[in-house]
Structures are given as structure tokens and as C-alpha cells.
Amino acid sequence: MMKAPARGRVEMRSVGKRFDRTTVLENCSIEFRPGVITGLIGPSGCGKTTIIDLIAGYAAPDKGEILLDGIPVSGPSWERLVVFQETTLFPWKSTLRNVAFGPLNRGALC
């Protein structure tokens, strides 16, 4: 039996992003492969959060393209998840109910 190809390959191709007069990313190309843990390390203001926002679809690149499994990222999607550094849980819900919140609202869980 053949295995299905791993999903979750993210490609950034020649991505550029500016905020006002500040260039945050210029000609940035990187590939994130399924099954590989990748860390973004750098000083404050170097573009780590911008890369995450672009991949998540929260922001759009000014130049270049971002692909998820070969399909252009054109906005937020349930297929991409961002785990925020700050607390973003519902404190009145259990851990299970916090984790299930998204799938329940998509109708993916009963």
C-alpha cells in the first residue's frame, strides 16, 4: 500500500513585506517541510512574527507568494494554526473544550 504524500509543506517564494517606510522582509524564500520542526530565531523586529502572520494568512505579502501544499495562501484558514505566545484560552473552559472550540465551530466534531 502506498502512503499518501505528507501534507503541510509551506513555501515562501521571494516574499517582500513593508510597513509604511520600513522593509520587514525582502526577497525572503524559505521552505517548511512536513515532519520537520523549524524554529525562527532572531532579535526583536527582524520579521519572525511577520513571517508567521503571512503564513497564517493574517497579512498578505507585498511581493512574492506563499504556498501551502502548492496552493497560494490567500487569507486565514482552519488548515493553518498559530499558537500565540500570550494566553488566548477561555479561562472558564476546560483544556479539552478550549482545544475543541475551533473544530466544534466548523462542525467537524459532534
C-alpha atoms as a PDB file:
ATOM      1  CA  MET A   1       0.000   0.000   0.000  1.00  0.00           C
ATOM      2  CA  MET A   2       1.392   3.418  -0.962  1.00  0.00           C
ATOM      3  CA  LYS A   3       1.472   6.178   1.617  1.00  0.00           C
ATOM      4  CA  ALA A   4      -0.200   9.456   0.769  1.00  0.00           C
ATOM      5  CA  PRO A   5       2.292  12.320   0.473  1.00  0.00           C
ATOM      6  CA  ALA A   6       2.742  14.289   3.676  1.00  0.00           C
ATOM      7  CA  ARG A   7       0.675  17.445   3.793  1.00  0.00           C
ATOM      8  CA  GLY A   8       1.721  20.746   5.277  1.00  0.00           C
ATOM      9  CA  ARG A   9       4.594  21.880   3.050  1.00  0.00           C
ATOM     10  CA  VAL A  10       4.849  25.667   3.202  1.00  0.00           C
ATOM     11  CA  GLU A  11       6.895  27.624   0.685  1.00  0.00           C
ATOM     12  CA  MET A  12       7.699  31.316   0.757  1.00  0.00           C
ATOM     13  CA  ARG A  13       9.000  32.445  -2.624  1.00  0.00           C
ATOM     14  CA  SER A  14      10.745  35.816  -2.913  1.00  0.00           C
ATOM     15  CA  VAL A  15       8.404  37.347  -0.324  1.00  0.00           C
ATOM     16  CA  GLY A  16       8.597  41.017   0.492  1.00  0.00           C
ATOM     17  CA  LYS A  17       6.674  42.942   3.133  1.00  0.00           C
ATOM     18  CA  ARG A  18       6.755  46.596   4.146  1.00  0.00           C
ATOM     19  CA  PHE A  19       5.009  48.510   6.876  1.00  0.00           C
ATOM     20  CA  ASP A  20       4.884  52.192   5.970  1.00  0.00           C
ATOM     21  CA  ARG A  21       8.505  53.036   5.100  1.00  0.00           C
ATOM     22  CA  THR A  22      10.034  50.045   6.894  1.00  0.00           C
ATOM     23  CA  THR A  23      11.013  46.988   4.883  1.00  0.00           C
ATOM     24  CA  VAL A  24      10.491  43.969   7.129  1.00  0.00           C
ATOM     25  CA  LEU A  25      11.132  41.196   4.575  1.00  0.00           C
ATOM     26  CA  GLU A  26      12.896  41.480   1.259  1.00  0.00           C
ATOM     27  CA  ASN A  27      13.242  38.615  -1.225  1.00  0.00           C
ATOM     28  CA  CYS A  28      12.645  36.048   1.534  1.00  0.00           C
ATOM     29  CA  SER A  29      12.491  32.433   0.346  1.00  0.00           C
ATOM     30  CA  ILE A  30      12.164  29.511   2.743  1.00  0.00           C
ATOM     31  CA  GLU A  31      10.545  26.089   2.809  1.00  0.00           C
ATOM     32  CA  PHE A  32       8.943  24.452   5.829  1.00  0.00           C
ATOM     33  CA  ARG A  33       8.670  20.693   5.275  1.00  0.00           C
ATOM     34  CA  PRO A  34       6.160  18.344   6.887  1.00  0.00           C
ATOM     35  CA  GLY A  35       7.560  16.378   9.806  1.00  0.00           C
ATOM     36  CA  VAL A  36      10.431  18.801  10.363  1.00  0.00           C
ATOM     37  CA  ILE A  37      10.449  21.145  13.340  1.00  0.00           C
ATOM     38  CA  THR A  38      11.701  24.562  12.313  1.00  0.00           C
ATOM     39  CA  GLY A  39      12.470  27.438  14.636  1.00  0.00           C
ATOM     40  CA  LEU A  40      12.621  31.107  13.707  1.00  0.00           C
ATOM     41  CA  ILE A  41      15.287  32.748  15.827  1.00  0.00           C
ATOM     42  CA  GLY A  42      16.331  36.373  15.776  1.00  0.00           C
ATOM     43  CA  PRO A  43      16.214  39.689  17.587  1.00  0.00           C
ATOM     44  CA  SER A  44      13.049  41.658  18.142  1.00  0.00           C
ATOM     45  CA  GLY A  45      11.898  43.343  14.957  1.00  0.00           C
ATOM     46  CA  CYS A  46      13.649  41.029  12.496  1.00  0.00           C
ATOM     47  CA  GLY A  47      10.428  39.680  10.909  1.00  0.00           C
ATOM     48  CA  LYS A  48       9.634  36.450  12.782  1.00  0.00           C
ATOM     49  CA  THR A  49       6.066  37.428  13.631  1.00  0.00           C
ATOM     50  CA  THR A  50       5.564  38.871  10.150  1.00  0.00           C
ATOM     51  CA  ILE A  51       6.512  35.501   8.622  1.00  0.00           C
ATOM     52  CA  ILE A  52       4.026  33.743  10.923  1.00  0.00           C
ATOM     53  CA  ASP A  53       1.278  36.265  10.072  1.00  0.00           C
ATOM     54  CA  LEU A  54       1.932  35.830   6.342  1.00  0.00           C
ATOM     55  CA  ILE A  55       1.830  32.020   6.503  1.00  0.00           C
ATOM     56  CA  ALA A  56      -1.352  32.131   8.621  1.00  0.00           C
ATOM     57  CA  GLY A  57      -2.951  34.464   6.076  1.00  0.00           C
ATOM     58  CA  TYR A  58      -3.447  37.258   8.613  1.00  0.00           C
ATOM     59  CA  ALA A  59      -1.407  39.557   6.330  1.00  0.00           C
ATOM     60  CA  ALA A  60      -0.614  39.473   2.610  1.00  0.00           C
ATOM     61  CA  PRO A  61       2.870  39.800   1.128  1.00  0.00           C
ATOM     62  CA  ASP A  62       3.612  42.901  -0.916  1.00  0.00           C
ATOM     63  CA  LYS A  63       5.758  40.805  -3.258  1.00  0.00           C
ATOM     64  CA  GLY A  64       6.245  37.100  -3.889  1.00  0.00           C
ATOM     65  CA  GLU A  65       3.997  34.240  -2.920  1.00  0.00           C
ATOM     66  CA  ILE A  66       3.276  31.835  -0.090  1.00  0.00           C
ATOM     67  CA  LEU A  67       2.084  28.320  -0.869  1.00  0.00           C
ATOM     68  CA  LEU A  68       0.615  25.578   1.313  1.00  0.00           C
ATOM     69  CA  ASP A  69       0.951  22.237  -0.472  1.00  0.00           C
ATOM     70  CA  GLY A  70       1.304  24.152  -3.737  1.00  0.00           C
ATOM     71  CA  ILE A  71      -1.844  26.238  -3.210  1.00  0.00           C
ATOM     72  CA  PRO A  72      -1.469  30.006  -2.691  1.00  0.00           C
ATOM     73  CA  VAL A  73      -2.297  31.318   0.788  1.00  0.00           C
ATOM     74  CA  SER A  74      -4.951  33.986   0.251  1.00  0.00           C
ATOM     75  CA  GLY A  75      -6.245  34.536   3.778  1.00  0.00           C
ATOM     76  CA  PRO A  76      -6.814  32.842   7.123  1.00  0.00           C
ATOM     77  CA  SER A  77      -7.859  29.190   7.046  1.00  0.00           C
ATOM     78  CA  TRP A  78      -8.570  26.416   9.531  1.00  0.00           C
ATOM     79  CA  GLU A  79      -5.776  24.463   7.787  1.00  0.00           C
ATOM     80  CA  ARG A  80      -3.139  26.677   9.418  1.00  0.00           C
ATOM     81  CA  LEU A  81      -2.865  27.187  13.169  1.00  0.00           C
ATOM     82  CA  VAL A  82      -0.982  29.809  15.123  1.00  0.00           C
ATOM     83  CA  VAL A  83      -0.241  29.150  18.776  1.00  0.00           C
ATOM     84  CA  PHE A  84       0.128  32.558  20.373  1.00  0.00           C
ATOM     85  CA  GLN A  85       2.763  33.335  22.955  1.00  0.00           C
ATOM     86  CA  GLU A  86       0.262  35.152  25.159  1.00  0.00           C
ATOM     87  CA  THR A  87      -2.594  33.382  26.886  1.00  0.00           C
ATOM     88  CA  THR A  88      -5.516  33.134  24.478  1.00  0.00           C
ATOM     89  CA  LEU A  89      -7.597  30.496  26.200  1.00  0.00           C
ATOM     90  CA  PHE A  90     -11.117  30.787  27.506  1.00  0.00           C
ATOM     91  CA  PRO A  91     -10.420  30.608  31.264  1.00  0.00           C
ATOM     92  CA  TRP A  92     -13.914  29.279  32.003  1.00  0.00           C
ATOM     93  CA  LYS A  93     -13.481  26.294  29.655  1.00  0.00           C
ATOM     94  CA  SER A  94     -11.578  23.083  30.333  1.00  0.00           C
ATOM     95  CA  THR A  95      -8.464  22.245  28.308  1.00  0.00           C
ATOM     96  CA  LEU A  96     -10.491  19.821  26.181  1.00  0.00           C
ATOM     97  CA  ARG A  97     -13.188  22.419  25.489  1.00  0.00           C
ATOM     98  CA  ASN A  98     -10.545  25.024  24.562  1.00  0.00           C
ATOM     99  CA  VAL A  99      -8.907  22.600  22.127  1.00  0.00           C
ATOM    100  CA  ALA A 100     -12.270  21.538  20.672  1.00  0.00           C
ATOM    101  CA  PHE A 101     -13.566  25.107  20.235  1.00  0.00           C
ATOM    102  CA  GLY A 102     -12.382  25.570  16.640  1.00  0.00           C
ATOM    103  CA  PRO A 103     -13.420  22.155  15.281  1.00  0.00           C
ATOM    104  CA  LEU A 104     -16.791  22.406  17.035  1.00  0.00           C
ATOM    105  CA  ASN A 105     -17.470  25.770  15.390  1.00  0.00           C
ATOM    106  CA  ARG A 106     -16.568  24.312  11.979  1.00  0.00           C
ATOM    107  CA  GLY A 107     -18.955  21.422  12.576  1.00  0.00           C
ATOM    108  CA  ALA A 108     -16.068  18.930  12.499  1.00  0.00           C
ATOM    109  CA  LEU A 109     -16.878  17.448  15.936  1.00  0.00           C
ATOM    110  CA  CYS A 110     -20.156  16.288  17.400  1.00  0.00           C
END
